[in-house]
Amino acid sequence: MSESGFQRKIRQTKPFRSEETEALVALFYTADRVRSARSSPFQGEGLSPEQYNILRILRGAGKEGLRTYQVVTRMIARAPNITRLVDKLEKRGLLSREKSESDRRVIVLRISEPGLALLERLDRPVEQFSRKVMAGLDTKDTKRLIGLLGQLCETVEPALS
């Protein structure tokens, strides 16, 4: 059996036990490289990718805002430290946190005008970064990748509940 590209990348001398294992290693390896590079559009603004994601979610929610748990369920990466992330964003004036009038236990998060302005400044660099990272795939391959990852999520997500 010949050595695969990912075997070489991780300097693994023995073949993978299965194609499924190799595929997961390739997915984790690639995700780590993209995640490491992903922060570059945000570095100049002092934002983590998770903080950017929270602001992006709140921008999409509009003036009504969202409850904290609703933000968590929409995040790309699970964030066990949501309170700390929100604290930092609130301290910078990028979002507001208000107790619901109908239920004082519920916290509603809303993006602020400075938060909207920051996202607007980041929209173009984030789009350029996405195109740069995905430049190795043509449109057809990109759509296929999206479909394959969607299929994988359908298998994995029930196990997370």
C-alpha atoms as a PDB file:
ATOM      1  CA  MET A   1       0.000   0.000   0.000  1.00  0.00           C
ATOM      2  CA  SER A   2       1.452   3.376  -0.962  1.00  0.00           C
ATOM      3  CA  GLU A   3       1.853   6.224   1.483  1.00  0.00           C
ATOM      4  CA  SER A   4      -0.949   8.816   1.359  1.00  0.00           C
ATOM      5  CA  GLY A   5      -0.529  12.574   1.306  1.00  0.00           C
ATOM      6  CA  PHE A   6      -1.700  12.894   4.879  1.00  0.00           C
ATOM      7  CA  GLN A   7       0.599  10.133   6.053  1.00  0.00           C
ATOM      8  CA  ARG A   8       3.474  12.226   4.684  1.00  0.00           C
ATOM      9  CA  LYS A   9       2.130  15.471   6.158  1.00  0.00           C
ATOM     10  CA  ILE A  10       2.002  14.028   9.666  1.00  0.00           C
ATOM     11  CA  ARG A  11       5.102  11.845   9.124  1.00  0.00           C
ATOM     12  CA  GLN A  12       3.176   8.662   9.844  1.00  0.00           C
ATOM     13  CA  THR A  13       5.132   5.602   8.724  1.00  0.00           C
ATOM     14  CA  LYS A  14       2.355   3.013   8.993  1.00  0.00           C
ATOM     15  CA  PRO A  15      -0.816   3.049   6.884  1.00  0.00           C
ATOM     16  CA  PHE A  16      -4.045   4.189   8.503  1.00  0.00           C
ATOM     17  CA  ARG A  17      -6.220   1.364   9.810  1.00  0.00           C
ATOM     18  CA  SER A  18      -9.094   2.484   7.585  1.00  0.00           C
ATOM     19  CA  GLU A  19     -10.056   5.106   5.045  1.00  0.00           C
ATOM     20  CA  GLU A  20     -12.529   6.497   7.609  1.00  0.00           C
ATOM     21  CA  THR A  21      -9.699   7.074  10.098  1.00  0.00           C
ATOM     22  CA  GLU A  22      -7.564   8.695   7.424  1.00  0.00           C
ATOM     23  CA  ALA A  23     -10.474  10.913   6.377  1.00  0.00           C
ATOM     24  CA  LEU A  24     -11.005  12.097   9.975  1.00  0.00           C
ATOM     25  CA  VAL A  25      -7.293  12.760  10.458  1.00  0.00           C
ATOM     26  CA  ALA A  26      -7.303  14.741   7.188  1.00  0.00           C
ATOM     27  CA  LEU A  27     -10.384  16.679   8.339  1.00  0.00           C
ATOM     28  CA  PHE A  28      -8.873  17.486  11.759  1.00  0.00           C
ATOM     29  CA  TYR A  29      -5.511  18.407  10.244  1.00  0.00           C
ATOM     30  CA  THR A  30      -7.086  20.692   7.650  1.00  0.00           C
ATOM     31  CA  ALA A  31      -9.500  22.261  10.159  1.00  0.00           C
ATOM     32  CA  ASP A  32      -6.577  23.049  12.452  1.00  0.00           C
ATOM     33  CA  ARG A  33      -4.648  24.741   9.639  1.00  0.00           C
ATOM     34  CA  VAL A  34      -7.670  26.770   8.526  1.00  0.00           C
ATOM     35  CA  ARG A  35      -8.512  27.687  12.141  1.00  0.00           C
ATOM     36  CA  SER A  36      -4.953  28.855  12.743  1.00  0.00           C
ATOM     37  CA  ALA A  37      -5.044  31.018   9.627  1.00  0.00           C
ATOM     38  CA  ARG A  38      -8.665  32.095  10.172  1.00  0.00           C
ATOM     39  CA  SER A  39      -7.821  34.568  12.894  1.00  0.00           C
ATOM     40  CA  SER A  40      -5.768  36.757  10.555  1.00  0.00           C
ATOM     41  CA  PRO A  41      -8.611  39.092   9.426  1.00  0.00           C
ATOM     42  CA  PHE A  42      -9.502  39.697  13.094  1.00  0.00           C
ATOM     43  CA  GLN A  43      -6.025  40.128  14.606  1.00  0.00           C
ATOM     44  CA  GLY A  44      -5.792  43.825  13.750  1.00  0.00           C
ATOM     45  CA  GLU A  45      -9.134  44.417  15.495  1.00  0.00           C
ATOM     46  CA  GLY A  46      -8.291  42.452  18.651  1.00  0.00           C
ATOM     47  CA  LEU A  47     -11.088  39.929  18.066  1.00  0.00           C
ATOM     48  CA  SER A  48     -11.004  36.162  18.337  1.00  0.00           C
ATOM     49  CA  PRO A  49     -12.834  34.122  15.693  1.00  0.00           C
ATOM     50  CA  GLU A  50     -15.401  33.190  18.372  1.00  0.00           C
ATOM     51  CA  GLN A  51     -16.049  36.841  19.245  1.00  0.00           C
ATOM     52  CA  TYR A  52     -16.429  37.659  15.560  1.00  0.00           C
ATOM     53  CA  ASN A  53     -18.917  34.803  15.237  1.00  0.00           C
ATOM     54  CA  ILE A  54     -21.003  36.141  18.149  1.00  0.00           C
ATOM     55  CA  LEU A  55     -21.150  39.602  16.569  1.00  0.00           C
ATOM     56  CA  ARG A  56     -22.025  38.128  13.170  1.00  0.00           C
ATOM     57  CA  ILE A  57     -24.873  36.113  14.730  1.00  0.00           C
ATOM     58  CA  LEU A  58     -26.212  39.178  16.549  1.00  0.00           C
ATOM     59  CA  ARG A  59     -26.045  41.272  13.375  1.00  0.00           C
ATOM     60  CA  GLY A  60     -28.225  38.655  11.696  1.00  0.00           C
ATOM     61  CA  ALA A  61     -30.692  38.718  14.595  1.00  0.00           C
ATOM     62  CA  GLY A  62     -31.423  42.417  14.095  1.00  0.00           C
ATOM     63  CA  LYS A  63     -32.775  44.797  16.730  1.00  0.00           C
ATOM     64  CA  GLU A  64     -34.631  42.048  18.611  1.00  0.00           C
ATOM     65  CA  GLY A  65     -31.357  40.426  19.611  1.00  0.00           C
ATOM     66  CA  LEU A  66     -31.072  36.893  20.901  1.00  0.00           C
ATOM     67  CA  ARG A  67     -30.967  35.100  24.203  1.00  0.00           C
ATOM     68  CA  THR A  68     -27.515  33.900  25.173  1.00  0.00           C
ATOM     69  CA  TYR A  69     -28.409  30.230  24.685  1.00  0.00           C
ATOM     70  CA  GLN A  70     -29.729  31.036  21.183  1.00  0.00           C
ATOM     71  CA  VAL A  71     -26.363  32.531  20.282  1.00  0.00           C
ATOM     72  CA  VAL A  72     -24.598  29.426  21.618  1.00  0.00           C
ATOM     73  CA  THR A  73     -26.737  27.113  19.458  1.00  0.00           C
ATOM     74  CA  ARG A  74     -25.863  29.119  16.331  1.00  0.00           C
ATOM     75  CA  MET A  75     -22.122  29.313  16.898  1.00  0.00           C
ATOM     76  CA  ILE A  76     -19.801  27.593  14.454  1.00  0.00           C
ATOM     77  CA  ALA A  77     -17.577  26.253  17.234  1.00  0.00           C
ATOM     78  CA  ARG A  78     -18.994  25.310  20.622  1.00  0.00           C
ATOM     79  CA  ALA A  79     -18.021  27.932  23.180  1.00  0.00           C
ATOM     80  CA  PRO A  80     -18.171  26.782  26.797  1.00  0.00           C
ATOM     81  CA  ASN A  81     -16.877  30.225  27.781  1.00  0.00           C
ATOM     82  CA  ILE A  82     -19.715  32.248  26.211  1.00  0.00           C
ATOM     83  CA  THR A  83     -20.073  34.459  29.295  1.00  0.00           C
ATOM     84  CA  ARG A  84     -16.417  35.477  29.180  1.00  0.00           C
ATOM     85  CA  LEU A  85     -16.613  36.159  25.429  1.00  0.00           C
ATOM     86  CA  VAL A  86     -19.747  38.283  25.873  1.00  0.00           C
ATOM     87  CA  ASP A  87     -18.153  40.123  28.824  1.00  0.00           C
ATOM     88  CA  LYS A  88     -15.205  41.160  26.645  1.00  0.00           C
ATOM     89  CA  LEU A  89     -17.444  42.293  23.786  1.00  0.00           C
ATOM     90  CA  GLU A  90     -19.693  44.251  26.155  1.00  0.00           C
ATOM     91  CA  LYS A  91     -16.678  45.889  27.797  1.00  0.00           C
ATOM     92  CA  ARG A  92     -15.568  47.100  24.349  1.00  0.00           C
ATOM     93  CA  GLY A  93     -19.059  48.460  23.651  1.00  0.00           C
ATOM     94  CA  LEU A  94     -19.648  46.043  20.757  1.00  0.00           C
ATOM     95  CA  LEU A  95     -22.829  44.557  22.202  1.00  0.00           C
ATOM     96  CA  SER A  96     -25.323  45.150  24.976  1.00  0.00           C
ATOM     97  CA  ARG A  97     -26.697  42.682  27.481  1.00  0.00           C
ATOM     98  CA  GLU A  98     -30.149  43.277  28.927  1.00  0.00           C
ATOM     99  CA  LYS A  99     -32.413  41.315  31.230  1.00  0.00           C
ATOM    100  CA  SER A 100     -35.730  40.407  29.678  1.00  0.00           C
ATOM    101  CA  GLU A 101     -38.678  42.338  31.099  1.00  0.00           C
ATOM    102  CA  SER A 102     -40.905  39.255  31.026  1.00  0.00           C
ATOM    103  CA  ASP A 103     -38.356  36.895  32.652  1.00  0.00           C
ATOM    104  CA  ARG A 104     -35.504  38.431  34.654  1.00  0.00           C
ATOM    105  CA  ARG A 105     -33.490  35.206  34.352  1.00  0.00           C
ATOM    106  CA  VAL A 106     -33.260  35.647  30.572  1.00  0.00           C
ATOM    107  CA  ILE A 107     -30.447  37.750  29.116  1.00  0.00           C
ATOM    108  CA  VAL A 108     -30.916  39.283  25.656  1.00  0.00           C
ATOM    109  CA  LEU A 109     -27.843  40.200  23.629  1.00  0.00           C
ATOM    110  CA  ARG A 110     -27.916  42.912  20.964  1.00  0.00           C
ATOM    111  CA  ILE A 111     -25.149  44.172  18.705  1.00  0.00           C
ATOM    112  CA  SER A 112     -24.340  47.865  19.168  1.00  0.00           C
ATOM    113  CA  GLU A 113     -23.636  50.509  16.517  1.00  0.00           C
ATOM    114  CA  PRO A 114     -19.856  50.208  17.119  1.00  0.00           C
ATOM    115  CA  GLY A 115     -20.240  46.413  16.752  1.00  0.00           C
ATOM    116  CA  LEU A 116     -22.049  46.870  13.440  1.00  0.00           C
ATOM    117  CA  ALA A 117     -19.368  49.294  12.250  1.00  0.00           C
ATOM    118  CA  LEU A 118     -16.631  46.827  13.178  1.00  0.00           C
ATOM    119  CA  LEU A 119     -18.332  44.025  11.237  1.00  0.00           C
ATOM    120  CA  GLU A 120     -18.761  46.310   8.255  1.00  0.00           C
ATOM    121  CA  ARG A 121     -15.006  47.029   8.301  1.00  0.00           C
ATOM    122  CA  LEU A 122     -14.305  43.295   8.503  1.00  0.00           C
ATOM    123  CA  ASP A 123     -16.743  42.126   5.805  1.00  0.00           C
ATOM    124  CA  ARG A 124     -14.362  42.668   2.895  1.00  0.00           C
ATOM    125  CA  PRO A 125     -11.191  41.260   4.569  1.00  0.00           C
ATOM    126  CA  VAL A 126     -13.124  38.185   5.736  1.00  0.00           C
ATOM    127  CA  GLU A 127     -14.489  37.580   2.230  1.00  0.00           C
ATOM    128  CA  GLN A 128     -11.022  38.026   0.718  1.00  0.00           C
ATOM    129  CA  PHE A 129      -9.582  35.628   3.283  1.00  0.00           C
ATOM    130  CA  SER A 130     -12.271  33.024   2.502  1.00  0.00           C
ATOM    131  CA  ARG A 131     -11.491  33.237  -1.206  1.00  0.00           C
ATOM    132  CA  LYS A 132      -7.754  32.936  -0.537  1.00  0.00           C
ATOM    133  CA  VAL A 133      -8.148  29.860   1.678  1.00  0.00           C
ATOM    134  CA  MET A 134     -10.530  28.159  -0.767  1.00  0.00           C
ATOM    135  CA  ALA A 135      -8.528  29.119  -3.897  1.00  0.00           C
ATOM    136  CA  GLY A 136      -7.339  25.524  -4.325  1.00  0.00           C
ATOM    137  CA  LEU A 137     -10.894  24.372  -5.121  1.00  0.00           C
ATOM    138  CA  ASP A 138     -13.014  25.375  -8.068  1.00  0.00           C
ATOM    139  CA  THR A 139     -16.721  26.208  -7.657  1.00  0.00           C
ATOM    140  CA  LYS A 140     -17.825  22.635  -8.359  1.00  0.00           C
ATOM    141  CA  ASP A 141     -15.391  21.186  -5.788  1.00  0.00           C
ATOM    142  CA  THR A 142     -16.374  23.828  -3.238  1.00  0.00           C
ATOM    143  CA  LYS A 143     -20.052  22.929  -3.613  1.00  0.00           C
ATOM    144  CA  ARG A 144     -19.195  19.233  -3.354  1.00  0.00           C
ATOM    145  CA  LEU A 145     -17.182  19.889  -0.178  1.00  0.00           C
ATOM    146  CA  ILE A 146     -20.117  21.796   1.336  1.00  0.00           C
ATOM    147  CA  GLY A 147     -22.414  18.874   0.509  1.00  0.00           C
ATOM    148  CA  LEU A 148     -20.047  16.256   1.920  1.00  0.00           C
ATOM    149  CA  LEU A 149     -19.518  18.213   5.127  1.00  0.00           C
ATOM    150  CA  GLY A 150     -23.287  18.632   5.429  1.00  0.00           C
ATOM    151  CA  GLN A 151     -23.720  14.863   5.116  1.00  0.00           C
ATOM    152  CA  LEU A 152     -21.075  14.290   7.766  1.00  0.00           C
ATOM    153  CA  CYS A 153     -22.812  16.744  10.124  1.00  0.00           C
ATOM    154  CA  GLU A 154     -26.095  14.857   9.678  1.00  0.00           C
ATOM    155  CA  THR A 155     -24.323  11.737  10.966  1.00  0.00           C
ATOM    156  CA  VAL A 156     -22.406  13.409  13.795  1.00  0.00           C
ATOM    157  CA  GLU A 157     -24.919  15.888  15.250  1.00  0.00           C
ATOM    158  CA  PRO A 158     -27.385  13.302  16.658  1.00  0.00           C
ATOM    159  CA  ALA A 159     -24.501  11.830  18.678  1.00  0.00           C
ATOM    160  CA  LEU A 160     -23.923  15.245  20.302  1.00  0.00           C
ATOM    161  CA  SER A 161     -27.441  15.490  21.767  1.00  0.00           C
END
